[in-house]
Amino acid sequence: MPYGSGLHRSERVLPEPGPAFAYTPENLQEFEKVVQRYPAEHRRSAILPALHLVQAQQGYITGNSMAYVAERIGCSRADVEDMVSFYTMYFTRPVGTYVLQVCRTLSCALCGAERITEALEEKLGIRAGQTDPTGTFTLLEVECLGACDRAPVIMVNDDWHECARPEDVDTLIEGLRTRGPAALTGCHLHVEKD
């Protein structure tokens, strides 16, 4: 079979290198605390928390930040890239200040998640998968967020807006613009603990 016939072609896309990356002194200190939790032979287990630190610092994960994590962990860059490409919580391009993730799996879909996405698209003037021109909001559709009893759910960064309705979208967006995370309803685990 001739090489390049299309049957054995890699679809791998290399991540953008981005700017040079190094942890801030605070994040480096946090990284060192994280890796101490694992025996030396299992240091690779720290890749996920190391990537969370990168994303918290830079907003998204670049090729250079993956190489930095690989060097710090003592693993291959491919090991780090595997994690970034597998887990949907890692972004490989800039995202808005608020990442709105609308759950679209069964419970949320049955409760109207599609209408929530449509209302958000209309309010923000973007489509799912895009960031608004101000860089404030990125809208994504995602699989299960694990709060089926509070469907439909919108995850906003690391917090929740539960029992969402299309008519509440304006209030949510304006609340985020004016009050920030205080506009969210909070995770049901915190609401139901009393």
C-alpha atoms as a PDB file:
ATOM      1  CA  MET A   1       0.000   0.000   0.000  1.00  0.00           C
ATOM      2  CA  PRO A   2       1.489   3.357  -0.925  1.00  0.00           C
ATOM      3  CA  TYR A   3       2.258   5.773   1.871  1.00  0.00           C
ATOM      4  CA  GLY A   4      -0.166   8.702   2.053  1.00  0.00           C
ATOM      5  CA  SER A   5      -3.109   6.770   0.618  1.00  0.00           C
ATOM      6  CA  GLY A   6      -5.349   8.279   3.264  1.00  0.00           C
ATOM      7  CA  LEU A   7      -5.940   5.024   5.115  1.00  0.00           C
ATOM      8  CA  HIS A   8      -3.111   5.525   7.608  1.00  0.00           C
ATOM      9  CA  ARG A   9      -3.124   9.241   8.124  1.00  0.00           C
ATOM     10  CA  SER A  10      -2.724  10.853  11.522  1.00  0.00           C
ATOM     11  CA  GLU A  11      -5.325  13.464  12.401  1.00  0.00           C
ATOM     12  CA  ARG A  12      -3.272  14.785  15.307  1.00  0.00           C
ATOM     13  CA  VAL A  13      -3.101  18.548  15.460  1.00  0.00           C
ATOM     14  CA  LEU A  14      -0.225  20.002  17.427  1.00  0.00           C
ATOM     15  CA  PRO A  15      -1.256  22.589  19.994  1.00  0.00           C
ATOM     16  CA  GLU A  16      -0.296  26.200  19.418  1.00  0.00           C
ATOM     17  CA  PRO A  17       3.003  26.849  21.226  1.00  0.00           C
ATOM     18  CA  GLY A  18       1.771  30.122  22.739  1.00  0.00           C
ATOM     19  CA  PRO A  19       3.950  32.370  24.868  1.00  0.00           C
ATOM     20  CA  ALA A  20       6.746  31.056  27.065  1.00  0.00           C
ATOM     21  CA  PHE A  21       5.298  29.636  30.253  1.00  0.00           C
ATOM     22  CA  ALA A  22       6.429  29.248  33.857  1.00  0.00           C
ATOM     23  CA  TYR A  23       4.391  29.019  37.032  1.00  0.00           C
ATOM     24  CA  THR A  24       4.176  32.113  39.185  1.00  0.00           C
ATOM     25  CA  PRO A  25       6.072  31.668  42.478  1.00  0.00           C
ATOM     26  CA  GLU A  26       2.741  30.995  44.238  1.00  0.00           C
ATOM     27  CA  ASN A  27       1.674  28.385  41.694  1.00  0.00           C
ATOM     28  CA  LEU A  28       5.117  26.772  41.761  1.00  0.00           C
ATOM     29  CA  GLN A  29       4.788  26.450  45.519  1.00  0.00           C
ATOM     30  CA  GLU A  30       1.313  24.926  45.100  1.00  0.00           C
ATOM     31  CA  PHE A  31       2.658  22.540  42.431  1.00  0.00           C
ATOM     32  CA  GLU A  32       5.404  21.380  44.808  1.00  0.00           C
ATOM     33  CA  LYS A  33       2.783  20.677  47.491  1.00  0.00           C
ATOM     34  CA  VAL A  34       0.710  18.673  44.991  1.00  0.00           C
ATOM     35  CA  VAL A  35       3.544  16.463  43.753  1.00  0.00           C
ATOM     36  CA  GLN A  36       4.528  15.635  47.337  1.00  0.00           C
ATOM     37  CA  ARG A  37       1.238  13.712  47.641  1.00  0.00           C
ATOM     38  CA  TYR A  38       2.519  11.057  45.240  1.00  0.00           C
ATOM     39  CA  PRO A  39       5.414   8.609  45.511  1.00  0.00           C
ATOM     40  CA  ALA A  40       8.236   9.438  43.092  1.00  0.00           C
ATOM     41  CA  GLU A  41       7.351   6.498  40.849  1.00  0.00           C
ATOM     42  CA  HIS A  42       3.783   7.829  40.520  1.00  0.00           C
ATOM     43  CA  ARG A  43       4.589  11.488  39.964  1.00  0.00           C
ATOM     44  CA  ARG A  44       2.651  11.354  36.661  1.00  0.00           C
ATOM     45  CA  SER A  45      -0.491  11.306  38.806  1.00  0.00           C
ATOM     46  CA  ALA A  46       0.064  15.029  39.375  1.00  0.00           C
ATOM     47  CA  ILE A  47      -0.498  15.924  35.700  1.00  0.00           C
ATOM     48  CA  LEU A  48      -4.167  16.872  36.147  1.00  0.00           C
ATOM     49  CA  PRO A  49      -3.693  19.218  39.121  1.00  0.00           C
ATOM     50  CA  ALA A  50      -0.602  20.660  37.410  1.00  0.00           C
ATOM     51  CA  LEU A  51      -2.754  21.467  34.357  1.00  0.00           C
ATOM     52  CA  HIS A  52      -5.423  23.053  36.570  1.00  0.00           C
ATOM     53  CA  LEU A  53      -2.733  25.400  37.886  1.00  0.00           C
ATOM     54  CA  VAL A  54      -1.697  26.283  34.324  1.00  0.00           C
ATOM     55  CA  GLN A  55      -5.263  27.006  33.291  1.00  0.00           C
ATOM     56  CA  ALA A  56      -5.954  29.063  36.424  1.00  0.00           C
ATOM     57  CA  GLN A  57      -2.839  31.125  35.736  1.00  0.00           C
ATOM     58  CA  GLN A  58      -3.018  31.509  31.961  1.00  0.00           C
ATOM     59  CA  GLY A  59      -6.699  30.923  31.192  1.00  0.00           C
ATOM     60  CA  TYR A  60      -5.987  28.079  28.772  1.00  0.00           C
ATOM     61  CA  ILE A  61      -3.312  25.494  28.003  1.00  0.00           C
ATOM     62  CA  THR A  62      -0.723  25.990  25.272  1.00  0.00           C
ATOM     63  CA  GLY A  63       1.977  23.784  23.803  1.00  0.00           C
ATOM     64  CA  ASN A  64       4.633  25.577  25.830  1.00  0.00           C
ATOM     65  CA  SER A  65       2.698  25.142  29.063  1.00  0.00           C
ATOM     66  CA  MET A  66       2.282  21.415  28.312  1.00  0.00           C
ATOM     67  CA  ALA A  67       6.029  21.119  27.747  1.00  0.00           C
ATOM     68  CA  TYR A  68       6.635  22.971  31.023  1.00  0.00           C
ATOM     69  CA  VAL A  69       4.352  20.595  32.948  1.00  0.00           C
ATOM     70  CA  ALA A  70       5.992  17.563  31.321  1.00  0.00           C
ATOM     71  CA  GLU A  71       9.428  18.806  32.359  1.00  0.00           C
ATOM     72  CA  ARG A  72       8.285  19.547  35.936  1.00  0.00           C
ATOM     73  CA  ILE A  73       6.559  16.166  36.280  1.00  0.00           C
ATOM     74  CA  GLY A  74       9.340  14.230  34.570  1.00  0.00           C
ATOM     75  CA  CYS A  75       7.180  12.646  31.883  1.00  0.00           C
ATOM     76  CA  SER A  76       6.847  13.005  28.127  1.00  0.00           C
ATOM     77  CA  ARG A  77       5.006  15.871  26.530  1.00  0.00           C
ATOM     78  CA  ALA A  78       2.771  13.273  24.879  1.00  0.00           C
ATOM     79  CA  ASP A  79       1.631  12.128  28.354  1.00  0.00           C
ATOM     80  CA  VAL A  80       0.505  15.680  29.126  1.00  0.00           C
ATOM     81  CA  GLU A  81      -1.069  16.200  25.686  1.00  0.00           C
ATOM     82  CA  ASP A  82      -3.044  12.976  26.181  1.00  0.00           C
ATOM     83  CA  MET A  83      -4.621  14.409  29.318  1.00  0.00           C
ATOM     84  CA  VAL A  84      -5.398  17.776  27.720  1.00  0.00           C
ATOM     85  CA  SER A  85      -6.982  16.188  24.665  1.00  0.00           C
ATOM     86  CA  PHE A  86      -9.011  13.663  26.696  1.00  0.00           C
ATOM     87  CA  TYR A  87     -10.537  15.871  29.396  1.00  0.00           C
ATOM     88  CA  THR A  88     -13.021  18.505  28.284  1.00  0.00           C
ATOM     89  CA  MET A  89     -12.319  20.817  31.226  1.00  0.00           C
ATOM     90  CA  TYR A  90      -9.046  21.944  29.651  1.00  0.00           C
ATOM     91  CA  PHE A  91      -9.119  24.693  27.047  1.00  0.00           C
ATOM     92  CA  THR A  92      -6.454  24.946  24.348  1.00  0.00           C
ATOM     93  CA  ARG A  93      -7.432  28.403  23.170  1.00  0.00           C
ATOM     94  CA  PRO A  94      -8.445  31.574  24.989  1.00  0.00           C
ATOM     95  CA  VAL A  95     -11.904  31.566  26.535  1.00  0.00           C
ATOM     96  CA  GLY A  96     -14.070  34.264  28.055  1.00  0.00           C
ATOM     97  CA  THR A  97     -14.034  35.395  31.649  1.00  0.00           C
ATOM     98  CA  TYR A  98     -17.162  33.293  32.123  1.00  0.00           C
ATOM     99  CA  VAL A  99     -17.337  29.889  30.436  1.00  0.00           C
ATOM    100  CA  LEU A 100     -21.001  28.893  30.209  1.00  0.00           C
ATOM    101  CA  GLN A 101     -21.312  25.130  29.794  1.00  0.00           C
ATOM    102  CA  VAL A 102     -24.846  23.948  29.114  1.00  0.00           C
ATOM    103  CA  CYS A 103     -25.429  20.279  29.892  1.00  0.00           C
ATOM    104  CA  ARG A 104     -27.098  18.569  26.954  1.00  0.00           C
ATOM    105  CA  THR A 105     -27.464  14.977  28.141  1.00  0.00           C
ATOM    106  CA  LEU A 106     -30.764  13.242  28.764  1.00  0.00           C
ATOM    107  CA  SER A 107     -32.081  14.804  31.987  1.00  0.00           C
ATOM    108  CA  CYS A 108     -31.161  18.323  30.927  1.00  0.00           C
ATOM    109  CA  ALA A 109     -32.301  17.734  27.338  1.00  0.00           C
ATOM    110  CA  LEU A 110     -35.705  16.549  28.518  1.00  0.00           C
ATOM    111  CA  CYS A 111     -36.007  19.661  30.688  1.00  0.00           C
ATOM    112  CA  GLY A 112     -35.224  22.067  27.863  1.00  0.00           C
ATOM    113  CA  ALA A 113     -31.439  22.476  27.671  1.00  0.00           C
ATOM    114  CA  GLU A 114     -31.656  23.150  23.928  1.00  0.00           C
ATOM    115  CA  ARG A 115     -33.906  26.136  24.584  1.00  0.00           C
ATOM    116  CA  ILE A 116     -31.405  27.387  27.196  1.00  0.00           C
ATOM    117  CA  THR A 117     -28.593  27.218  24.625  1.00  0.00           C
ATOM    118  CA  GLU A 118     -30.744  29.029  22.061  1.00  0.00           C
ATOM    119  CA  ALA A 119     -31.603  31.785  24.547  1.00  0.00           C
ATOM    120  CA  LEU A 120     -27.929  32.202  25.480  1.00  0.00           C
ATOM    121  CA  GLU A 121     -26.925  32.320  21.808  1.00  0.00           C
ATOM    122  CA  GLU A 122     -29.517  35.009  21.155  1.00  0.00           C
ATOM    123  CA  LYS A 123     -28.607  37.055  24.260  1.00  0.00           C
ATOM    124  CA  LEU A 124     -24.845  36.890  23.642  1.00  0.00           C
ATOM    125  CA  GLY A 125     -24.947  37.088  19.839  1.00  0.00           C
ATOM    126  CA  ILE A 126     -22.743  33.993  19.469  1.00  0.00           C
ATOM    127  CA  ARG A 127     -23.143  30.288  18.726  1.00  0.00           C
ATOM    128  CA  ALA A 128     -22.174  27.388  20.986  1.00  0.00           C
ATOM    129  CA  GLY A 129     -18.403  26.986  20.777  1.00  0.00           C
ATOM    130  CA  GLN A 130     -17.744  30.725  20.428  1.00  0.00           C
ATOM    131  CA  THR A 131     -16.626  33.608  22.626  1.00  0.00           C
ATOM    132  CA  ASP A 132     -18.395  36.973  22.514  1.00  0.00           C
ATOM    133  CA  PRO A 133     -16.469  39.942  21.036  1.00  0.00           C
ATOM    134  CA  THR A 134     -15.863  41.441  24.504  1.00  0.00           C
ATOM    135  CA  GLY A 135     -14.124  38.271  25.710  1.00  0.00           C
ATOM    136  CA  THR A 136     -16.550  38.043  28.613  1.00  0.00           C
ATOM    137  CA  PHE A 137     -18.532  34.903  27.713  1.00  0.00           C
ATOM    138  CA  THR A 138     -17.716  31.594  26.041  1.00  0.00           C
ATOM    139  CA  LEU A 139     -20.679  29.300  25.364  1.00  0.00           C
ATOM    140  CA  LEU A 140     -20.239  25.519  25.215  1.00  0.00           C
ATOM    141  CA  GLU A 141     -22.532  22.521  25.125  1.00  0.00           C
ATOM    142  CA  VAL A 142     -21.185  19.661  27.250  1.00  0.00           C
ATOM    143  CA  GLU A 143     -22.072  16.196  28.405  1.00  0.00           C
ATOM    144  CA  CYS A 144     -23.388  15.368  31.871  1.00  0.00           C
ATOM    145  CA  LEU A 145     -22.505  17.764  34.674  1.00  0.00           C
ATOM    146  CA  GLY A 146     -23.811  15.378  37.324  1.00  0.00           C
ATOM    147  CA  ALA A 147     -26.730  17.396  38.661  1.00  0.00           C
ATOM    148  CA  CYS A 148     -29.574  15.630  36.895  1.00  0.00           C
ATOM    149  CA  ASP A 149     -31.994  16.344  39.737  1.00  0.00           C
ATOM    150  CA  ARG A 150     -31.493  20.083  39.123  1.00  0.00           C
ATOM    151  CA  ALA A 151     -31.829  19.996  35.329  1.00  0.00           C
ATOM    152  CA  PRO A 152     -31.210  21.868  33.187  1.00  0.00           C
ATOM    153  CA  VAL A 153     -27.839  22.933  34.545  1.00  0.00           C
ATOM    154  CA  ILE A 154     -25.396  25.563  33.331  1.00  0.00           C
ATOM    155  CA  MET A 155     -21.881  25.343  34.725  1.00  0.00           C
ATOM    156  CA  VAL A 156     -20.346  28.812  34.902  1.00  0.00           C
ATOM    157  CA  ASN A 157     -16.599  28.425  35.389  1.00  0.00           C
ATOM    158  CA  ASP A 158     -16.500  26.195  38.486  1.00  0.00           C
ATOM    159  CA  ASP A 159     -19.945  27.053  39.847  1.00  0.00           C
ATOM    160  CA  TRP A 160     -23.512  26.189  38.964  1.00  0.00           C
ATOM    161  CA  HIS A 161     -26.736  27.728  37.806  1.00  0.00           C
ATOM    162  CA  GLU A 162     -29.427  25.118  38.299  1.00  0.00           C
ATOM    163  CA  CYS A 163     -33.035  24.631  37.214  1.00  0.00           C
ATOM    164  CA  ALA A 164     -32.329  27.033  34.363  1.00  0.00           C
ATOM    165  CA  ARG A 165     -35.150  28.353  32.196  1.00  0.00           C
ATOM    166  CA  PRO A 166     -34.930  30.308  28.932  1.00  0.00           C
ATOM    167  CA  GLU A 167     -36.724  33.253  30.542  1.00  0.00           C
ATOM    168  CA  ASP A 168     -33.971  33.424  33.212  1.00  0.00           C
ATOM    169  CA  VAL A 169     -31.120  33.851  30.736  1.00  0.00           C
ATOM    170  CA  ASP A 170     -31.290  37.669  30.656  1.00  0.00           C
ATOM    171  CA  THR A 171     -31.146  37.820  34.457  1.00  0.00           C
ATOM    172  CA  LEU A 172     -28.223  35.365  34.579  1.00  0.00           C
ATOM    173  CA  ILE A 173     -26.147  37.224  31.976  1.00  0.00           C
ATOM    174  CA  GLU A 174     -26.859  40.676  33.393  1.00  0.00           C
ATOM    175  CA  GLY A 175     -26.184  39.352  36.885  1.00  0.00           C
ATOM    176  CA  LEU A 176     -22.805  37.992  35.796  1.00  0.00           C
ATOM    177  CA  ARG A 177     -21.982  41.298  34.134  1.00  0.00           C
ATOM    178  CA  THR A 178     -22.874  43.341  37.228  1.00  0.00           C
ATOM    179  CA  ARG A 179     -22.384  41.028  40.232  1.00  0.00           C
ATOM    180  CA  GLY A 180     -20.024  38.347  38.916  1.00  0.00           C
ATOM    181  CA  PRO A 181     -20.189  34.873  40.517  1.00  0.00           C
ATOM    182  CA  ALA A 182     -22.656  36.102  43.188  1.00  0.00           C
ATOM    183  CA  ALA A 183     -25.315  35.809  40.450  1.00  0.00           C
ATOM    184  CA  LEU A 184     -25.110  31.995  40.516  1.00  0.00           C
ATOM    185  CA  THR A 185     -27.431  29.682  42.434  1.00  0.00           C
ATOM    186  CA  GLY A 186     -24.583  27.507  43.750  1.00  0.00           C
ATOM    187  CA  CYS A 187     -23.987  23.779  43.725  1.00  0.00           C
ATOM    188  CA  HIS A 188     -26.842  21.620  45.027  1.00  0.00           C
ATOM    189  CA  LEU A 189     -24.410  19.876  47.373  1.00  0.00           C
ATOM    190  CA  HIS A 190     -24.039  23.140  49.272  1.00  0.00           C
ATOM    191  CA  VAL A 191     -27.731  24.051  49.086  1.00  0.00           C
ATOM    192  CA  GLU A 192     -28.955  20.713  50.464  1.00  0.00           C
ATOM    193  CA  LYS A 193     -26.466  20.189  53.279  1.00  0.00           C
ATOM    194  CA  ASP A 194     -28.607  21.782  56.017  1.00  0.00           C
END
